[in-house]
N, C-alpha and C. Protein backbone atom coordinates (compact mmCIF):
# COMPACT_ATOMS: atom_id res chain seq x y z
N MET A 1 9.52 16.59 5.47
CA MET A 1 9.44 15.45 4.57
C MET A 1 9.74 14.17 5.37
N PHE A 2 8.94 13.15 5.12
CA PHE A 2 9.07 11.88 5.81
C PHE A 2 10.00 10.94 5.03
N ARG A 3 10.69 10.10 5.76
CA ARG A 3 11.50 9.05 5.14
C ARG A 3 10.60 7.83 4.92
N LEU A 4 10.82 7.14 3.80
CA LEU A 4 10.01 5.97 3.46
C LEU A 4 10.83 4.69 3.56
N THR A 5 10.21 3.67 4.11
CA THR A 5 10.80 2.33 4.13
C THR A 5 9.71 1.36 3.71
N ILE A 6 10.00 0.58 2.67
CA ILE A 6 9.07 -0.46 2.24
C ILE A 6 9.53 -1.76 2.89
N LEU A 7 8.70 -2.30 3.77
CA LEU A 7 9.06 -3.52 4.48
C LEU A 7 8.99 -4.73 3.53
N PRO A 8 9.75 -5.78 3.85
CA PRO A 8 9.75 -6.98 2.98
C PRO A 8 8.35 -7.53 2.69
N SER A 9 7.46 -7.49 3.66
CA SER A 9 6.09 -7.99 3.43
C SER A 9 5.40 -7.21 2.32
N ALA A 10 5.61 -5.90 2.26
CA ALA A 10 5.02 -5.08 1.21
C ALA A 10 5.72 -5.32 -0.13
N GLU A 11 7.03 -5.54 -0.09
CA GLU A 11 7.75 -5.86 -1.32
C GLU A 11 7.21 -7.15 -1.94
N VAL A 12 6.96 -8.15 -1.11
CA VAL A 12 6.39 -9.42 -1.60
C VAL A 12 5.01 -9.16 -2.20
N ASP A 13 4.19 -8.36 -1.53
CA ASP A 13 2.86 -8.03 -2.05
C ASP A 13 2.95 -7.37 -3.42
N ILE A 14 3.88 -6.43 -3.57
CA ILE A 14 4.04 -5.71 -4.84
C ILE A 14 4.47 -6.68 -5.94
N GLU A 15 5.45 -7.51 -5.66
CA GLU A 15 5.94 -8.45 -6.66
C GLU A 15 4.85 -9.46 -7.04
N TRP A 16 4.11 -9.96 -6.05
CA TRP A 16 3.05 -10.93 -6.32
C TRP A 16 1.96 -10.29 -7.19
N THR A 17 1.58 -9.06 -6.86
CA THR A 17 0.52 -8.38 -7.62
C THR A 17 0.98 -8.08 -9.04
N PHE A 18 2.22 -7.66 -9.19
CA PHE A 18 2.78 -7.42 -10.53
C PHE A 18 2.69 -8.70 -11.37
N ALA A 19 3.10 -9.82 -10.79
CA ALA A 19 3.04 -11.09 -11.52
C ALA A 19 1.60 -11.46 -11.86
N TRP A 20 0.69 -11.25 -10.90
CA TRP A 20 -0.72 -11.58 -11.14
C TRP A 20 -1.27 -10.76 -12.29
N TRP A 21 -1.00 -9.43 -12.29
CA TRP A 21 -1.48 -8.57 -13.37
C TRP A 21 -0.92 -9.03 -14.72
N GLY A 22 0.36 -9.40 -14.73
CA GLY A 22 0.97 -9.84 -15.98
C GLY A 22 0.35 -11.11 -16.51
N GLU A 23 -0.02 -12.03 -15.62
CA GLU A 23 -0.60 -13.30 -16.04
C GLU A 23 -2.10 -13.22 -16.34
N ASN A 24 -2.82 -12.36 -15.62
CA ASN A 24 -4.28 -12.33 -15.71
C ASN A 24 -4.84 -11.13 -16.47
N ARG A 25 -4.08 -10.13 -16.65
CA ARG A 25 -4.51 -8.96 -17.42
C ARG A 25 -3.60 -8.82 -18.64
N SER A 26 -2.60 -7.98 -18.51
CA SER A 26 -1.60 -7.84 -19.57
C SER A 26 -0.31 -7.35 -18.94
N MET A 27 0.80 -7.62 -19.63
CA MET A 27 2.09 -7.15 -19.13
C MET A 27 2.14 -5.62 -19.15
N GLU A 28 1.45 -5.02 -20.10
CA GLU A 28 1.39 -3.55 -20.17
C GLU A 28 0.72 -2.99 -18.91
N GLN A 29 -0.41 -3.58 -18.52
CA GLN A 29 -1.09 -3.13 -17.30
C GLN A 29 -0.26 -3.42 -16.06
N ALA A 30 0.40 -4.57 -16.05
CA ALA A 30 1.25 -4.92 -14.90
C ALA A 30 2.37 -3.90 -14.73
N THR A 31 2.99 -3.55 -15.82
CA THR A 31 4.09 -2.57 -15.78
C THR A 31 3.58 -1.21 -15.34
N ARG A 32 2.42 -0.83 -15.83
CA ARG A 32 1.82 0.45 -15.42
C ARG A 32 1.48 0.44 -13.93
N TRP A 33 0.87 -0.65 -13.45
CA TRP A 33 0.53 -0.78 -12.04
C TRP A 33 1.79 -0.67 -11.19
N TYR A 34 2.83 -1.37 -11.58
CA TYR A 34 4.10 -1.39 -10.85
C TYR A 34 4.69 0.01 -10.75
N SER A 35 4.71 0.72 -11.84
CA SER A 35 5.25 2.08 -11.86
C SER A 35 4.41 3.02 -11.00
N GLU A 36 3.10 2.93 -11.16
CA GLU A 36 2.20 3.85 -10.46
C GLU A 36 2.15 3.60 -8.96
N ILE A 37 2.31 2.36 -8.52
CA ILE A 37 2.25 2.13 -7.08
C ILE A 37 3.44 2.78 -6.40
N PHE A 38 4.60 2.76 -7.05
CA PHE A 38 5.76 3.42 -6.44
C PHE A 38 5.59 4.94 -6.41
N LYS A 39 4.93 5.49 -7.40
CA LYS A 39 4.62 6.93 -7.36
C LYS A 39 3.67 7.23 -6.20
N ALA A 40 2.69 6.38 -6.00
CA ALA A 40 1.75 6.58 -4.89
C ALA A 40 2.48 6.48 -3.56
N ILE A 41 3.35 5.50 -3.43
CA ILE A 41 4.11 5.36 -2.20
C ILE A 41 4.99 6.60 -1.97
N GLN A 42 5.64 7.08 -3.01
CA GLN A 42 6.48 8.27 -2.88
C GLN A 42 5.67 9.49 -2.43
N SER A 43 4.39 9.53 -2.78
CA SER A 43 3.56 10.67 -2.39
C SER A 43 3.39 10.75 -0.87
N LEU A 44 3.67 9.64 -0.18
CA LEU A 44 3.54 9.63 1.28
C LEU A 44 4.67 10.37 1.97
N ARG A 45 5.68 10.79 1.24
CA ARG A 45 6.75 11.62 1.83
C ARG A 45 6.18 12.94 2.36
N ASP A 46 5.14 13.41 1.72
CA ASP A 46 4.51 14.68 2.10
C ASP A 46 3.13 14.41 2.68
N PHE A 47 2.95 14.76 3.92
CA PHE A 47 1.66 14.72 4.61
C PHE A 47 0.97 13.35 4.55
N PRO A 48 1.59 12.32 5.07
CA PRO A 48 0.94 11.00 5.08
C PRO A 48 -0.29 10.96 5.97
N GLU A 49 -0.40 11.92 6.88
CA GLU A 49 -1.56 11.96 7.77
C GLU A 49 -2.86 12.26 7.03
N ARG A 50 -2.76 12.60 5.75
CA ARG A 50 -3.97 12.87 4.95
C ARG A 50 -4.78 11.61 4.74
N CYS A 51 -4.16 10.46 4.90
CA CYS A 51 -4.81 9.17 4.64
C CYS A 51 -5.59 8.72 5.86
N PRO A 52 -6.70 8.05 5.64
CA PRO A 52 -7.54 7.63 6.77
C PRO A 52 -6.91 6.50 7.58
N ILE A 53 -7.38 6.39 8.82
CA ILE A 53 -7.00 5.29 9.69
C ILE A 53 -7.59 4.00 9.10
N ALA A 54 -6.78 2.95 9.07
CA ALA A 54 -7.23 1.66 8.53
C ALA A 54 -7.87 0.81 9.62
N PRO A 55 -8.75 -0.10 9.24
CA PRO A 55 -9.34 -1.01 10.23
C PRO A 55 -8.28 -1.81 10.99
N GLU A 56 -7.13 -2.02 10.38
CA GLU A 56 -6.03 -2.76 11.02
C GLU A 56 -5.25 -1.92 12.01
N SER A 57 -5.70 -0.73 12.29
CA SER A 57 -4.94 0.21 13.10
C SER A 57 -4.54 -0.31 14.47
N ASP A 58 -5.33 -1.22 15.03
CA ASP A 58 -5.02 -1.72 16.36
C ASP A 58 -3.89 -2.75 16.36
N ILE A 59 -3.39 -3.15 15.19
CA ILE A 59 -2.31 -4.13 15.11
C ILE A 59 -0.97 -3.51 15.52
N TYR A 60 -0.76 -2.24 15.22
CA TYR A 60 0.52 -1.58 15.49
C TYR A 60 0.32 -0.49 16.53
N PRO A 61 1.29 -0.34 17.44
CA PRO A 61 1.17 0.68 18.49
C PRO A 61 1.00 2.10 17.92
N SER A 62 1.62 2.36 16.78
CA SER A 62 1.53 3.70 16.19
C SER A 62 0.35 3.83 15.23
N GLY A 63 -0.45 2.77 15.09
CA GLY A 63 -1.62 2.80 14.21
C GLY A 63 -1.26 2.46 12.78
N VAL A 64 -2.27 2.29 11.97
CA VAL A 64 -2.10 1.98 10.55
C VAL A 64 -3.02 2.89 9.76
N ARG A 65 -2.50 3.40 8.67
CA ARG A 65 -3.28 4.23 7.76
C ARG A 65 -3.31 3.54 6.39
N ALA A 66 -4.24 3.97 5.55
CA ALA A 66 -4.39 3.36 4.23
C ALA A 66 -4.43 4.44 3.16
N LEU A 67 -3.60 4.27 2.15
CA LEU A 67 -3.66 5.08 0.95
C LEU A 67 -4.32 4.21 -0.12
N PHE A 68 -5.46 4.67 -0.62
CA PHE A 68 -6.19 3.92 -1.65
C PHE A 68 -5.55 4.22 -3.00
N PHE A 69 -5.37 3.15 -3.80
CA PHE A 69 -4.61 3.27 -5.03
C PHE A 69 -5.22 2.39 -6.13
N GLY A 70 -5.14 2.85 -7.36
CA GLY A 70 -5.54 2.06 -8.52
C GLY A 70 -5.08 2.73 -9.79
N ILE A 71 -5.01 1.97 -10.88
CA ILE A 71 -4.60 2.56 -12.15
C ILE A 71 -5.79 2.96 -13.01
N GLY A 72 -6.97 2.60 -12.57
CA GLY A 72 -8.18 2.97 -13.29
C GLY A 72 -8.88 4.10 -12.57
N PRO A 73 -10.14 4.33 -12.90
CA PRO A 73 -10.87 5.44 -12.28
C PRO A 73 -11.22 5.17 -10.82
N HIS A 74 -11.14 3.92 -10.38
CA HIS A 74 -11.47 3.58 -9.00
C HIS A 74 -10.30 2.85 -8.36
N PRO A 75 -10.11 3.05 -7.06
CA PRO A 75 -9.01 2.34 -6.40
C PRO A 75 -9.26 0.82 -6.40
N SER A 76 -8.17 0.08 -6.45
CA SER A 76 -8.24 -1.37 -6.40
C SER A 76 -7.46 -1.93 -5.21
N HIS A 77 -6.58 -1.13 -4.64
CA HIS A 77 -5.69 -1.60 -3.58
C HIS A 77 -5.58 -0.57 -2.46
N ARG A 78 -5.15 -1.09 -1.30
CA ARG A 78 -4.83 -0.23 -0.16
C ARG A 78 -3.34 -0.39 0.14
N ILE A 79 -2.66 0.73 0.25
CA ILE A 79 -1.27 0.74 0.70
C ILE A 79 -1.33 0.99 2.20
N LEU A 80 -1.02 -0.04 2.98
CA LEU A 80 -1.10 0.08 4.43
C LEU A 80 0.26 0.50 4.98
N PHE A 81 0.24 1.51 5.85
CA PHE A 81 1.49 2.04 6.37
C PHE A 81 1.30 2.56 7.78
N THR A 82 2.41 2.72 8.46
CA THR A 82 2.41 3.30 9.79
C THR A 82 3.42 4.44 9.81
N ILE A 83 3.17 5.39 10.69
CA ILE A 83 4.04 6.55 10.84
C ILE A 83 4.68 6.48 12.22
N VAL A 84 6.00 6.55 12.27
CA VAL A 84 6.74 6.58 13.53
C VAL A 84 7.71 7.76 13.43
N ASP A 85 7.43 8.79 14.22
CA ASP A 85 8.22 10.02 14.18
C ASP A 85 8.22 10.58 12.76
N SER A 86 9.37 10.64 12.11
CA SER A 86 9.42 11.18 10.74
C SER A 86 9.64 10.07 9.71
N ASP A 87 9.27 8.85 10.08
CA ASP A 87 9.39 7.71 9.17
C ASP A 87 8.03 7.15 8.82
N VAL A 88 7.88 6.78 7.56
CA VAL A 88 6.69 6.08 7.09
C VAL A 88 7.15 4.68 6.69
N PHE A 89 6.52 3.68 7.29
CA PHE A 89 6.84 2.29 6.99
C PHE A 89 5.68 1.68 6.21
N ILE A 90 5.96 1.25 4.99
CA ILE A 90 4.95 0.60 4.16
C ILE A 90 4.88 -0.85 4.62
N LEU A 91 3.73 -1.24 5.14
CA LEU A 91 3.55 -2.55 5.76
C LEU A 91 3.09 -3.62 4.79
N ARG A 92 2.04 -3.32 4.05
CA ARG A 92 1.42 -4.30 3.15
C ARG A 92 0.73 -3.55 2.01
N ILE A 93 0.49 -4.28 0.93
CA ILE A 93 -0.35 -3.83 -0.18
C ILE A 93 -1.47 -4.85 -0.27
N ARG A 94 -2.71 -4.39 -0.14
CA ARG A 94 -3.85 -5.32 -0.11
C ARG A 94 -4.87 -4.90 -1.16
N HIS A 95 -5.38 -5.89 -1.91
CA HIS A 95 -6.48 -5.64 -2.84
C HIS A 95 -7.72 -5.33 -2.01
N LEU A 96 -8.58 -4.49 -2.51
CA LEU A 96 -9.79 -4.12 -1.76
C LEU A 96 -10.68 -5.33 -1.49
N ALA A 97 -10.59 -6.36 -2.31
CA ALA A 97 -11.42 -7.55 -2.09
C ALA A 97 -10.85 -8.47 -1.01
N GLN A 98 -9.62 -8.24 -0.60
CA GLN A 98 -9.02 -9.09 0.44
C GLN A 98 -9.55 -8.71 1.81
N ASN A 99 -9.59 -9.69 2.68
CA ASN A 99 -9.97 -9.44 4.07
C ASN A 99 -8.96 -8.53 4.74
N TYR A 100 -9.39 -7.94 5.86
CA TYR A 100 -8.45 -7.16 6.66
C TYR A 100 -7.38 -8.08 7.21
N LEU A 101 -6.25 -7.51 7.57
CA LEU A 101 -5.15 -8.31 8.10
C LEU A 101 -5.57 -9.03 9.37
N PRO A 102 -5.08 -10.24 9.56
CA PRO A 102 -5.39 -10.98 10.80
C PRO A 102 -4.93 -10.20 12.03
N GLY A 103 -5.71 -10.30 13.08
CA GLY A 103 -5.38 -9.62 14.33
C GLY A 103 -6.05 -8.29 14.51
N SER A 104 -6.70 -7.79 13.45
CA SER A 104 -7.42 -6.53 13.58
C SER A 104 -8.85 -6.79 14.02
N THR A 105 -9.43 -5.78 14.63
CA THR A 105 -10.82 -5.94 15.10
C THR A 105 -11.80 -5.31 14.16
């Protein structure tokens, strides 16, 4: 089992997205999104290598992987993370419509 750490940058992404959903969709959807993203992140404790390599992989020495996530039938976000030994570090949460992180090729 892997240990999980959510970095401050990902925490900001989660809080910003929660607020956006509450203002632009509904508070019910925002609350559901917030709850479900933490469940998705927790799923990375077991076999995080199941997730594909992200285009941003060249940014970190240990690479970057993406877990696709959404509350509807299709994913809306990517949970970007890196694996170092037995630790999983959640780096960012990005909407699929957002550009790749700066510095990636």
